[in-house]
């Protein structure tokens, strides 16, 4: 679910009762949830469908083979092996944050996305039985990091259990910019109507307004999205979305702060629809989540292997 997608009425925000329930989770339940999150490896959004996510005490599921937890979002010393992605920097942006439920004022504060102002972040969607998008994105992002580091990449996460909420959508973009990332992938799952199935990539459209200027990244981001779409389909066996993108699995947007404010190639991936039972069965499977991470990693690998490192600057006095 795109974390600044306030203009699309597919995913309603949780009402006061849902937020209150999240805030009032008993200490024992919250402790249990945090313990589950630590081993599970678990955007800009609009309306959520009927049925709000369960409170953090019941939101996370795990499966066998989950990668070990991490306590730091940024690990610049990691990677760097002599693998095929040596010298590459990749930023992974896990959509939403499991703690957003407890910070409604902070995540609803408006931030500048260039074209207008939108909420800092959103809570995300969930399956009908309460597996949250935030738990899903964290799990897939950790799996993806492990795969990329095995290939020698330097990998950063925008957050990884190290903050109570957020980051805001503008900060998520700045993290990738500051890292001078070769590519950024924001991991999500959608919250569309039952019967809407499949995955899709969201690509930046041309924007030039305020601090937003995507003109240099539109082309490279589209290439990145196309490669991830192909690799994701092969790795997971999932079909491209039957409700967005006209069968291409690609959707161009100019209203998402995470894309508008990026100065490096960036895409969002909606891995499936949490509100559809068939897609939900995949998203809640640890084995399928590993294949999803594999597909994203393969797409990144294909894109970054195709484009060689830029040549070093010419010595002074030469042309």
C-alpha atoms as a PDB file:
ATOM      1  CA  UNK A   1       0.000   0.000   0.000  1.00  0.00           C
ATOM      2  CA  UNK A   2       1.580   3.228  -1.099  1.00  0.00           C
ATOM      3  CA  UNK A   3       2.334   5.256   1.987  1.00  0.00           C
ATOM      4  CA  UNK A   4       1.236   8.675   0.715  1.00  0.00           C
ATOM      5  CA  UNK A   5      -1.596   7.501  -1.476  1.00  0.00           C
ATOM      6  CA  UNK A   6      -4.168   9.764   0.105  1.00  0.00           C
ATOM      7  CA  UNK A   7      -6.000  10.445  -3.137  1.00  0.00           C
ATOM      8  CA  UNK A   8      -6.974   6.838  -3.811  1.00  0.00           C
ATOM      9  CA  UNK A   9     -10.057   5.667  -1.886  1.00  0.00           C
ATOM     10  CA  UNK A  10      -9.162   1.976  -1.904  1.00  0.00           C
ATOM     11  CA  UNK A  11      -7.882   1.748   1.636  1.00  0.00           C
ATOM     12  CA  UNK A  12      -9.701   3.588   4.416  1.00  0.00           C
ATOM     13  CA  UNK A  13      -7.732   4.874   7.408  1.00  0.00           C
ATOM     14  CA  UNK A  14      -8.435   3.188  10.725  1.00  0.00           C
ATOM     15  CA  UNK A  15     -11.097   4.894  12.748  1.00  0.00           C
ATOM     16  CA  UNK A  16     -10.660   6.159  16.290  1.00  0.00           C
ATOM     17  CA  UNK A  17     -11.756   2.827  17.707  1.00  0.00           C
ATOM     18  CA  UNK A  18      -9.039   0.974  15.816  1.00  0.00           C
ATOM     19  CA  UNK A  19      -6.415   3.456  16.950  1.00  0.00           C
ATOM     20  CA  UNK A  20      -7.642   3.277  20.536  1.00  0.00           C
ATOM     21  CA  UNK A  21      -7.481  -0.494  20.435  1.00  0.00           C
ATOM     22  CA  UNK A  22      -3.893  -0.325  19.244  1.00  0.00           C
ATOM     23  CA  UNK A  23      -2.982   2.153  21.974  1.00  0.00           C
ATOM     24  CA  UNK A  24      -4.598   0.109  24.710  1.00  0.00           C
ATOM     25  CA  UNK A  25      -2.982  -3.209  23.919  1.00  0.00           C
ATOM     26  CA  UNK A  26      -2.101  -4.839  27.246  1.00  0.00           C
ATOM     27  CA  UNK A  27       1.559  -4.835  28.108  1.00  0.00           C
ATOM     28  CA  UNK A  28       1.807  -8.610  27.921  1.00  0.00           C
ATOM     29  CA  UNK A  29       0.271  -8.705  24.458  1.00  0.00           C
ATOM     30  CA  UNK A  30       2.519  -5.919  23.232  1.00  0.00           C
ATOM     31  CA  UNK A  31       5.576  -7.707  24.604  1.00  0.00           C
ATOM     32  CA  UNK A  32       4.516 -10.842  22.785  1.00  0.00           C
ATOM     33  CA  UNK A  33       4.051  -8.892  19.566  1.00  0.00           C
ATOM     34  CA  UNK A  34       7.515  -7.358  19.853  1.00  0.00           C
ATOM     35  CA  UNK A  35       9.028 -10.790  20.410  1.00  0.00           C
ATOM     36  CA  UNK A  36       7.307 -12.133  17.314  1.00  0.00           C
ATOM     37  CA  UNK A  37       8.432  -9.115  15.274  1.00  0.00           C
ATOM     38  CA  UNK A  38      12.046  -9.624  16.310  1.00  0.00           C
ATOM     39  CA  UNK A  39      12.168 -13.061  14.735  1.00  0.00           C
ATOM     40  CA  UNK A  40       9.794 -12.570  11.813  1.00  0.00           C
ATOM     41  CA  UNK A  41      11.991 -10.053  10.025  1.00  0.00           C
ATOM     42  CA  UNK A  42       9.023  -8.468   9.221  1.00  0.00           C
ATOM     43  CA  UNK A  43       2.707   5.129   1.822  1.00  0.00           C
ATOM     44  CA  UNK A  44       1.212   7.349   1.448  1.00  0.00           C
ATOM     45  CA  UNK A  45      -2.270   5.846   1.747  1.00  0.00           C
ATOM     46  CA  UNK A  46      -5.911   6.519   1.396  1.00  0.00           C
ATOM     47  CA  UNK A  47      -9.008   4.831   2.638  1.00  0.00           C
ATOM     48  CA  UNK A  48      -8.811   1.326   3.991  1.00  0.00           C
ATOM     49  CA  UNK A  49     -11.395  -1.293   3.047  1.00  0.00           C
ATOM     50  CA  UNK A  50     -13.926  -2.397   5.608  1.00  0.00           C
ATOM     51  CA  UNK A  51     -12.296  -4.320   8.402  1.00  0.00           C
ATOM     52  CA  UNK A  52      -9.379  -2.607  10.082  1.00  0.00           C
ATOM     53  CA  UNK A  53      -6.098  -4.374  10.886  1.00  0.00           C
ATOM     54  CA  UNK A  54      -5.794  -6.124  14.180  1.00  0.00           C
ATOM     55  CA  UNK A  55      -3.913  -4.394  16.943  1.00  0.00           C
ATOM     56  CA  UNK A  56      -0.137  -4.896  17.156  1.00  0.00           C
ATOM     57  CA  UNK A  57      -0.691  -7.656  19.673  1.00  0.00           C
ATOM     58  CA  UNK A  58      -2.113  -9.901  16.950  1.00  0.00           C
ATOM     59  CA  UNK A  59      -0.699  -8.506  13.715  1.00  0.00           C
ATOM     60  CA  UNK A  60       2.440 -10.484  13.013  1.00  0.00           C
ATOM     61  CA  UNK A  61       2.861 -13.988  11.686  1.00  0.00           C
ATOM     62  CA  UNK A  62       6.071 -15.809  11.184  1.00  0.00           C
ATOM     63  CA  UNK A  63       7.159 -18.834   9.268  1.00  0.00           C
ATOM     64  CA  UNK A  64      10.144 -21.158   9.259  1.00  0.00           C
ATOM     65  CA  UNK A  65      13.272 -19.775   7.716  1.00  0.00           C
ATOM     66  CA  UNK A  66      12.744 -16.167   8.755  1.00  0.00           C
ATOM     67  CA  UNK A  67      16.026 -14.237   8.676  1.00  0.00           C
ATOM     68  CA  UNK A  68      17.598 -13.078  11.935  1.00  0.00           C
ATOM     69  CA  UNK A  69      16.501  -9.714  13.293  1.00  0.00           C
ATOM     70  CA  UNK A  70      18.495  -6.522  13.000  1.00  0.00           C
ATOM     71  CA  UNK A  71      18.630  -3.653  15.440  1.00  0.00           C
ATOM     72  CA  UNK A  72      19.898  -1.004  13.030  1.00  0.00           C
ATOM     73  CA  UNK A  73      18.285   0.341   9.890  1.00  0.00           C
ATOM     74  CA  UNK A  74      21.626   1.376   8.393  1.00  0.00           C
ATOM     75  CA  UNK A  75      24.583  -0.985   8.187  1.00  0.00           C
ATOM     76  CA  UNK A  76      27.030   0.733   5.816  1.00  0.00           C
ATOM     77  CA  UNK A  77      29.820  -1.643   6.804  1.00  0.00           C
ATOM     78  CA  UNK A  78      27.839  -4.662   5.626  1.00  0.00           C
ATOM     79  CA  UNK A  79      27.960  -6.151   2.155  1.00  0.00           C
ATOM     80  CA  UNK A  80      31.046  -5.169   0.249  1.00  0.00           C
ATOM     81  CA  UNK A  81      32.052  -8.747  -0.532  1.00  0.00           C
ATOM     82  CA  UNK A  82      33.377  -9.513  -3.979  1.00  0.00           C
ATOM     83  CA  UNK A  83      30.000 -10.580  -5.248  1.00  0.00           C
ATOM     84  CA  UNK A  84      28.381  -9.427  -8.496  1.00  0.00           C
ATOM     85  CA  UNK A  85      26.872  -6.375  -6.781  1.00  0.00           C
ATOM     86  CA  UNK A  86      30.089  -5.253  -5.110  1.00  0.00           C
ATOM     87  CA  UNK A  87      30.280  -1.461  -5.124  1.00  0.00           C
ATOM     88  CA  UNK A  88      26.528  -1.020  -5.444  1.00  0.00           C
ATOM     89  CA  UNK A  89      24.351   0.692  -2.828  1.00  0.00           C
ATOM     90  CA  UNK A  90      20.708  -0.343  -2.542  1.00  0.00           C
ATOM     91  CA  UNK A  91      18.158   1.189  -0.175  1.00  0.00           C
ATOM     92  CA  UNK A  92      15.134  -0.881   0.853  1.00  0.00           C
ATOM     93  CA  UNK A  93      12.128   0.999   2.179  1.00  0.00           C
ATOM     94  CA  UNK A  94       9.746  -1.242   4.179  1.00  0.00           C
ATOM     95  CA  UNK A  95       6.298   0.304   3.739  1.00  0.00           C
ATOM     96  CA  UNK A  96       4.705   1.713   6.895  1.00  0.00           C
ATOM     97  CA  UNK A  97       5.824   0.873  10.440  1.00  0.00           C
ATOM     98  CA  UNK A  98       4.183  -1.464  12.977  1.00  0.00           C
ATOM     99  CA  UNK A  99       4.265   1.383  15.518  1.00  0.00           C
ATOM    100  CA  UNK A 100       2.296   3.831  13.369  1.00  0.00           C
ATOM    101  CA  UNK A 101      -0.947   2.702  15.039  1.00  0.00           C
ATOM    102  CA  UNK A 102       0.208   4.252  18.284  1.00  0.00           C
ATOM    103  CA  UNK A 103       1.181   7.621  16.793  1.00  0.00           C
ATOM    104  CA  UNK A 104      -1.841   8.991  14.886  1.00  0.00           C
ATOM    105  CA  UNK A 105      -0.951  12.642  15.457  1.00  0.00           C
ATOM    106  CA  UNK A 106       2.586  12.237  14.178  1.00  0.00           C
ATOM    107  CA  UNK A 107       1.760  10.201  11.083  1.00  0.00           C
ATOM    108  CA  UNK A 108      -1.119  12.490  10.121  1.00  0.00           C
ATOM    109  CA  UNK A 109       1.061  15.623  10.247  1.00  0.00           C
ATOM    110  CA  UNK A 110       1.439  17.086   6.761  1.00  0.00           C
ATOM    111  CA  UNK A 111       4.758  17.141   4.927  1.00  0.00           C
ATOM    112  CA  UNK A 112       5.764  18.803   1.653  1.00  0.00           C
ATOM    113  CA  UNK A 113       6.054  16.406  -1.307  1.00  0.00           C
ATOM    114  CA  UNK A 114       6.777  19.066  -3.907  1.00  0.00           C
ATOM    115  CA  UNK A 115       3.419  19.062  -5.667  1.00  0.00           C
ATOM    116  CA  UNK A 116       1.410  19.532  -2.462  1.00  0.00           C
ATOM    117  CA  UNK A 117       1.323  18.436   1.185  1.00  0.00           C
ATOM    118  CA  UNK A 118       0.365  14.974   2.409  1.00  0.00           C
ATOM    119  CA  UNK A 119       0.344  13.001   5.678  1.00  0.00           C
ATOM    120  CA  UNK A 120       3.701  11.917   7.057  1.00  0.00           C
ATOM    121  CA  UNK A 121       2.858   8.200   6.776  1.00  0.00           C
ATOM    122  CA  UNK A 122      -0.032   5.738   7.183  1.00  0.00           C
ATOM    123  CA  UNK A 123      -0.770   2.558   9.104  1.00  0.00           C
ATOM    124  CA  UNK A 124      -1.113   0.331   6.036  1.00  0.00           C
ATOM    125  CA  UNK A 125      -3.632  -2.388   5.357  1.00  0.00           C
ATOM    126  CA  UNK A 126      -3.995  -6.001   6.577  1.00  0.00           C
ATOM    127  CA  UNK A 127      -5.445  -9.370   5.697  1.00  0.00           C
ATOM    128  CA  UNK A 128      -8.932 -10.195   6.978  1.00  0.00           C
ATOM    129  CA  UNK A 129      -7.426 -12.163   9.861  1.00  0.00           C
ATOM    130  CA  UNK A 130      -5.112  -9.373  10.971  1.00  0.00           C
ATOM    131  CA  UNK A 131      -1.704  -9.941   9.344  1.00  0.00           C
ATOM    132  CA  UNK A 132      -0.547  -6.364   8.829  1.00  0.00           C
ATOM    133  CA  UNK A 133       1.139  -4.855   5.843  1.00  0.00           C
ATOM    134  CA  UNK A 134       3.820  -3.405   8.127  1.00  0.00           C
ATOM    135  CA  UNK A 135       4.708  -6.905   9.380  1.00  0.00           C
ATOM    136  CA  UNK A 136       4.785  -8.199   5.798  1.00  0.00           C
ATOM    137  CA  UNK A 137       6.995  -5.419   4.456  1.00  0.00           C
ATOM    138  CA  UNK A 138       9.496  -5.721   7.293  1.00  0.00           C
ATOM    139  CA  UNK A 139       9.776  -9.475   6.795  1.00  0.00           C
ATOM    140  CA  UNK A 140      10.274  -9.276   3.022  1.00  0.00           C
ATOM    141  CA  UNK A 141      12.702  -6.353   3.371  1.00  0.00           C
ATOM    142  CA  UNK A 142      14.918  -8.283   5.782  1.00  0.00           C
ATOM    143  CA  UNK A 143      14.926 -11.306   3.513  1.00  0.00           C
ATOM    144  CA  UNK A 144      15.762  -9.070   0.560  1.00  0.00           C
ATOM    145  CA  UNK A 145      18.624  -7.417   2.428  1.00  0.00           C
ATOM    146  CA  UNK A 146      20.185 -10.798   3.209  1.00  0.00           C
ATOM    147  CA  UNK A 147      20.020 -11.858  -0.443  1.00  0.00           C
ATOM    148  CA  UNK A 148      21.551  -8.614  -1.702  1.00  0.00           C
ATOM    149  CA  UNK A 149      24.332  -8.625   0.868  1.00  0.00           C
ATOM    150  CA  UNK A 150      25.208 -12.170  -0.193  1.00  0.00           C
ATOM    151  CA  UNK A 151      25.791 -10.707  -3.664  1.00  0.00           C
ATOM    152  CA  UNK A 152      28.124  -8.043  -2.295  1.00  0.00           C
ATOM    153  CA  UNK A 153      25.802  -5.016  -2.226  1.00  0.00           C
ATOM    154  CA  UNK A 154      25.857  -2.363   0.468  1.00  0.00           C
ATOM    155  CA  UNK A 155      22.269  -2.282   1.758  1.00  0.00           C
ATOM    156  CA  UNK A 156      20.407   0.217   3.926  1.00  0.00           C
ATOM    157  CA  UNK A 157      16.865   0.008   5.276  1.00  0.00           C
ATOM    158  CA  UNK A 158      14.930   3.203   5.904  1.00  0.00           C
ATOM    159  CA  UNK A 159      13.822   1.677   9.215  1.00  0.00           C
ATOM    160  CA  UNK A 160      14.182  -1.687  10.918  1.00  0.00           C
ATOM    161  CA  UNK A 161      12.598  -1.739  14.359  1.00  0.00           C
ATOM    162  CA  UNK A 162      14.733   1.229  15.386  1.00  0.00           C
ATOM    163  CA  UNK A 163      12.028   3.890  15.555  1.00  0.00           C
ATOM    164  CA  UNK A 164       8.546   4.195  17.049  1.00  0.00           C
ATOM    165  CA  UNK A 165       6.814   5.400  13.881  1.00  0.00           C
ATOM    166  CA  UNK A 166       7.521   6.480  10.326  1.00  0.00           C
ATOM    167  CA  UNK A 167       9.782   7.677   8.827  1.00  0.00           C
ATOM    168  CA  UNK A 168       7.715  10.275   7.034  1.00  0.00           C
ATOM    169  CA  UNK A 169       7.499   9.939   3.267  1.00  0.00           C
ATOM    170  CA  UNK A 170       9.815  12.886   2.636  1.00  0.00           C
ATOM    171  CA  UNK A 171      12.463  11.444   4.948  1.00  0.00           C
ATOM    172  CA  UNK A 172      12.206   8.054   3.256  1.00  0.00           C
ATOM    173  CA  UNK A 173      13.125   9.748  -0.014  1.00  0.00           C
ATOM    174  CA  UNK A 174      15.990  11.675   1.581  1.00  0.00           C
ATOM    175  CA  UNK A 175      17.512   8.477   3.004  1.00  0.00           C
ATOM    176  CA  UNK A 176      17.922   7.072  -0.499  1.00  0.00           C
ATOM    177  CA  UNK A 177      19.209  10.405  -1.799  1.00  0.00           C
ATOM    178  CA  UNK A 178      21.808  10.768   0.958  1.00  0.00           C
ATOM    179  CA  UNK A 179      23.025   7.222   0.347  1.00  0.00           C
ATOM    180  CA  UNK A 180      23.434   8.030  -3.369  1.00  0.00           C
ATOM    181  CA  UNK A 181      21.730   4.719  -3.922  1.00  0.00           C
ATOM    182  CA  UNK A 182      22.000   2.954  -7.242  1.00  0.00           C
ATOM    183  CA  UNK A 183      18.409   1.858  -6.672  1.00  0.00           C
ATOM    184  CA  UNK A 184      15.664   2.158  -4.056  1.00  0.00           C
ATOM    185  CA  UNK A 185      12.758  -0.264  -3.661  1.00  0.00           C
ATOM    186  CA  UNK A 186       9.795   0.485  -1.414  1.00  0.00           C
ATOM    187  CA  UNK A 187       8.086  -2.770  -0.404  1.00  0.00           C
ATOM    188  CA  UNK A 188       4.299  -2.826   0.039  1.00  0.00           C
ATOM    189  CA  UNK A 189       1.153  -4.932  -0.221  1.00  0.00           C
ATOM    190  CA  UNK A 190      -2.094  -3.479  -1.506  1.00  0.00           C
ATOM    191  CA  UNK A 191      -5.503  -3.150   0.130  1.00  0.00           C
ATOM    192  CA  UNK A 192      -7.871  -3.262  -2.853  1.00  0.00           C
ATOM    193  CA  UNK A 193     -11.248  -4.962  -3.237  1.00  0.00           C
ATOM    194  CA  UNK A 194     -11.712  -8.737  -3.070  1.00  0.00           C
ATOM    195  CA  UNK A 195     -11.111 -10.235  -6.517  1.00  0.00           C
ATOM    196  CA  UNK A 196      -8.387  -7.712  -7.323  1.00  0.00           C
ATOM    197  CA  UNK A 197      -5.291  -9.869  -7.593  1.00  0.00           C
ATOM    198  CA  UNK A 198      -1.651  -9.811  -8.550  1.00  0.00           C
ATOM    199  CA  UNK A 199       1.350  -7.539  -8.107  1.00  0.00           C
ATOM    200  CA  UNK A 200       2.298  -4.227  -9.633  1.00  0.00           C
ATOM    201  CA  UNK A 201       5.186  -1.776  -9.640  1.00  0.00           C
ATOM    202  CA  UNK A 202       4.622   1.954  -9.136  1.00  0.00           C
ATOM    203  CA  UNK A 203       6.952   4.169 -11.157  1.00  0.00           C
ATOM    204  CA  UNK A 204       7.621   7.911 -10.874  1.00  0.00           C
ATOM    205  CA  UNK A 205       6.112  10.156 -13.519  1.00  0.00           C
ATOM    206  CA  UNK A 206       7.650  13.463 -14.596  1.00  0.00           C
ATOM    207  CA  UNK A 207       7.318  16.036 -11.815  1.00  0.00           C
ATOM    208  CA  UNK A 208       8.929  19.436 -11.442  1.00  0.00           C
ATOM    209  CA  UNK A 209       7.433  21.390  -8.555  1.00  0.00           C
ATOM    210  CA  UNK A 210       8.959  22.786  -5.383  1.00  0.00           C
ATOM    211  CA  UNK A 211      11.669  20.405  -4.198  1.00  0.00           C
ATOM    212  CA  UNK A 212      10.440  17.649  -6.516  1.00  0.00           C
ATOM    213  CA  UNK A 213      12.191  17.064  -9.847  1.00  0.00           C
ATOM    214  CA  UNK A 214      11.947  13.514 -11.175  1.00  0.00           C
ATOM    215  CA  UNK A 215      12.989  14.191 -14.758  1.00  0.00           C
ATOM    216  CA  UNK A 216      16.378  12.472 -14.427  1.00  0.00           C
ATOM    217  CA  UNK A 217      15.044   9.359 -12.710  1.00  0.00           C
ATOM    218  CA  UNK A 218      11.904   8.619 -14.749  1.00  0.00           C
ATOM    219  CA  UNK A 219      13.737   6.562 -17.392  1.00  0.00           C
ATOM    220  CA  UNK A 220      16.057   4.584 -15.062  1.00  0.00           C
ATOM    221  CA  UNK A 221      13.182   3.949 -12.649  1.00  0.00           C
ATOM    222  CA  UNK A 222      11.051   2.529 -15.437  1.00  0.00           C
ATOM    223  CA  UNK A 223      13.853   0.171 -16.471  1.00  0.00           C
ATOM    224  CA  UNK A 224      14.228  -0.904 -12.867  1.00  0.00           C
ATOM    225  CA  UNK A 225      10.491  -1.497 -12.526  1.00  0.00           C
ATOM    226  CA  UNK A 226      10.307  -3.551 -15.711  1.00  0.00           C
ATOM    227  CA  UNK A 227      13.176  -5.783 -14.619  1.00  0.00           C
ATOM    228  CA  UNK A 228      11.760  -6.334 -11.140  1.00  0.00           C
ATOM    229  CA  UNK A 229       8.315  -7.092 -12.592  1.00  0.00           C
ATOM    230  CA  UNK A 230       9.710  -9.804 -14.847  1.00  0.00           C
ATOM    231  CA  UNK A 231      11.898 -11.345 -12.156  1.00  0.00           C
ATOM    232  CA  UNK A 232       9.136 -11.206  -9.541  1.00  0.00           C
ATOM    233  CA  UNK A 233       6.697 -13.017 -11.826  1.00  0.00           C
ATOM    234  CA  UNK A 234       9.259 -15.748 -12.517  1.00  0.00           C
ATOM    235  CA  UNK A 235      10.269 -16.223  -8.882  1.00  0.00           C
ATOM    236  CA  UNK A 236       6.796 -16.221  -7.332  1.00  0.00           C
ATOM    237  CA  UNK A 237       4.570 -17.495 -10.143  1.00  0.00           C
ATOM    238  CA  UNK A 238       2.252 -14.567  -9.421  1.00  0.00           C
ATOM    239  CA  UNK A 239       0.348 -12.805 -12.175  1.00  0.00           C
ATOM    240  CA  UNK A 240       0.630  -9.112 -12.884  1.00  0.00           C
ATOM    241  CA  UNK A 241      -2.208  -7.055 -11.461  1.00  0.00           C
ATOM    242  CA  UNK A 242      -5.657  -7.569 -12.965  1.00  0.00           C
ATOM    243  CA  UNK A 243      -6.853  -4.152 -11.724  1.00  0.00           C
ATOM    244  CA  UNK A 244      -3.963  -1.706 -12.249  1.00  0.00           C
ATOM    245  CA  UNK A 245      -1.616  -1.254 -15.194  1.00  0.00           C
ATOM    246  CA  UNK A 246      -3.668  -2.818 -17.987  1.00  0.00           C
ATOM    247  CA  UNK A 247      -1.892  -6.175 -17.663  1.00  0.00           C
ATOM    248  CA  UNK A 248       1.620  -4.685 -17.611  1.00  0.00           C
ATOM    249  CA  UNK A 249       2.015  -4.701 -13.840  1.00  0.00           C
ATOM    250  CA  UNK A 250       3.284  -1.114 -14.105  1.00  0.00           C
ATOM    251  CA  UNK A 251       1.587   2.033 -12.801  1.00  0.00           C
ATOM    252  CA  UNK A 252       2.969   5.570 -13.221  1.00  0.00           C
ATOM    253  CA  UNK A 253       2.213   8.051 -10.434  1.00  0.00           C
ATOM    254  CA  UNK A 254       3.010  11.709  -9.763  1.00  0.00           C
ATOM    255  CA  UNK A 255       1.278  12.016  -6.383  1.00  0.00           C
ATOM    256  CA  UNK A 256       3.584   9.984  -4.136  1.00  0.00           C
ATOM    257  CA  UNK A 257       6.086  11.869  -2.017  1.00  0.00           C
ATOM    258  CA  UNK A 258       8.430   8.904  -1.766  1.00  0.00           C
ATOM    259  CA  UNK A 259       8.857   9.040  -5.557  1.00  0.00           C
ATOM    260  CA  UNK A 260       8.463  12.775  -6.178  1.00  0.00           C
ATOM    261  CA  UNK A 261      11.304  13.702  -3.830  1.00  0.00           C
ATOM    262  CA  UNK A 262      13.710  10.978  -4.919  1.00  0.00           C
ATOM    263  CA  UNK A 263      16.811  11.952  -6.878  1.00  0.00           C
ATOM    264  CA  UNK A 264      17.860   8.329  -7.465  1.00  0.00           C
ATOM    265  CA  UNK A 265      16.065   5.532  -9.367  1.00  0.00           C
ATOM    266  CA  UNK A 266      13.203   4.296  -7.222  1.00  0.00           C
ATOM    267  CA  UNK A 267      10.100   2.116  -7.495  1.00  0.00           C
ATOM    268  CA  UNK A 268       7.380   0.819  -5.213  1.00  0.00           C
ATOM    269  CA  UNK A 269       6.254  -2.792  -5.427  1.00  0.00           C
ATOM    270  CA  UNK A 270       2.787  -3.848  -4.306  1.00  0.00           C
ATOM    271  CA  UNK A 271       3.433  -7.568  -3.887  1.00  0.00           C
ATOM    272  CA  UNK A 272      -0.225  -8.599  -3.811  1.00  0.00           C
ATOM    273  CA  UNK A 273      -3.619  -7.656  -2.426  1.00  0.00           C
ATOM    274  CA  UNK A 274      -4.025  -8.367   1.274  1.00  0.00           C
ATOM    275  CA  UNK A 275      -7.811  -7.980   1.050  1.00  0.00           C
ATOM    276  CA  UNK A 276      -8.212 -10.835  -1.440  1.00  0.00           C
ATOM    277  CA  UNK A 277      -8.227 -14.286   0.206  1.00  0.00           C
ATOM    278  CA  UNK A 278      -6.209 -15.967  -2.541  1.00  0.00           C
ATOM    279  CA  UNK A 279      -3.493 -13.316  -2.516  1.00  0.00           C
ATOM    280  CA  UNK A 280      -3.586 -13.205   1.293  1.00  0.00           C
ATOM    281  CA  UNK A 281      -2.793 -16.923   1.425  1.00  0.00           C
ATOM    282  CA  UNK A 282       0.404 -16.196  -0.487  1.00  0.00           C
ATOM    283  CA  UNK A 283       1.396 -13.116   1.482  1.00  0.00           C
ATOM    284  CA  UNK A 284       1.061 -14.954   4.811  1.00  0.00           C
ATOM    285  CA  UNK A 285       3.299 -17.823   3.647  1.00  0.00           C
ATOM    286  CA  UNK A 286       6.925 -17.578   4.768  1.00  0.00           C
ATOM    287  CA  UNK A 287       7.992 -19.644   1.775  1.00  0.00           C
ATOM    288  CA  UNK A 288       6.225 -17.315  -0.655  1.00  0.00           C
ATOM    289  CA  UNK A 289       7.728 -14.263   1.067  1.00  0.00           C
ATOM    290  CA  UNK A 290      11.185 -15.737   0.487  1.00  0.00           C
ATOM    291  CA  UNK A 291      10.363 -16.153  -3.200  1.00  0.00           C
ATOM    292  CA  UNK A 292       9.094 -12.583  -3.304  1.00  0.00           C
ATOM    293  CA  UNK A 293      12.377 -11.338  -1.881  1.00  0.00           C
ATOM    294  CA  UNK A 294      14.228 -13.508  -4.393  1.00  0.00           C
ATOM    295  CA  UNK A 295      12.289 -11.993  -7.277  1.00  0.00           C
ATOM    296  CA  UNK A 296      13.002  -8.429  -6.181  1.00  0.00           C
ATOM    297  CA  UNK A 297      16.687  -9.254  -5.655  1.00  0.00           C
ATOM    298  CA  UNK A 298      16.926 -10.848  -9.093  1.00  0.00           C
ATOM    299  CA  UNK A 299      15.362  -7.780 -10.711  1.00  0.00           C
ATOM    300  CA  UNK A 300      17.762  -5.435  -8.930  1.00  0.00           C
ATOM    301  CA  UNK A 301      20.684  -7.651  -9.887  1.00  0.00           C
ATOM    302  CA  UNK A 302      19.646  -7.668 -13.545  1.00  0.00           C
ATOM    303  CA  UNK A 303      19.257  -3.893 -13.643  1.00  0.00           C
ATOM    304  CA  UNK A 304      22.489  -3.040 -11.844  1.00  0.00           C
ATOM    305  CA  UNK A 305      24.519  -5.618 -13.750  1.00  0.00           C
ATOM    306  CA  UNK A 306      23.312  -4.143 -17.037  1.00  0.00           C
ATOM    307  CA  UNK A 307      24.444  -0.638 -16.154  1.00  0.00           C
ATOM    308  CA  UNK A 308      28.164  -0.523 -15.467  1.00  0.00           C
ATOM    309  CA  UNK A 309      29.715   1.824 -12.958  1.00  0.00           C
ATOM    310  CA  UNK A 310      30.199   5.375 -14.286  1.00  0.00           C
ATOM    311  CA  UNK A 311      33.795   6.123 -15.342  1.00  0.00           C
ATOM    312  CA  UNK A 312      35.991   8.034 -12.894  1.00  0.00           C
ATOM    313  CA  UNK A 313      36.404  11.773 -13.519  1.00  0.00           C
ATOM    314  CA  UNK A 314      39.154  12.737 -15.932  1.00  0.00           C
ATOM    315  CA  UNK A 315      42.395  14.016 -14.379  1.00  0.00           C
ATOM    316  CA  UNK A 316      42.736  17.762 -14.120  1.00  0.00           C
ATOM    317  CA  UNK A 317      43.808  19.375 -17.382  1.00  0.00           C
ATOM    318  CA  UNK A 318      42.528  16.584 -19.641  1.00  0.00           C
ATOM    319  CA  UNK A 319      39.399  16.348 -21.747  1.00  0.00           C
END
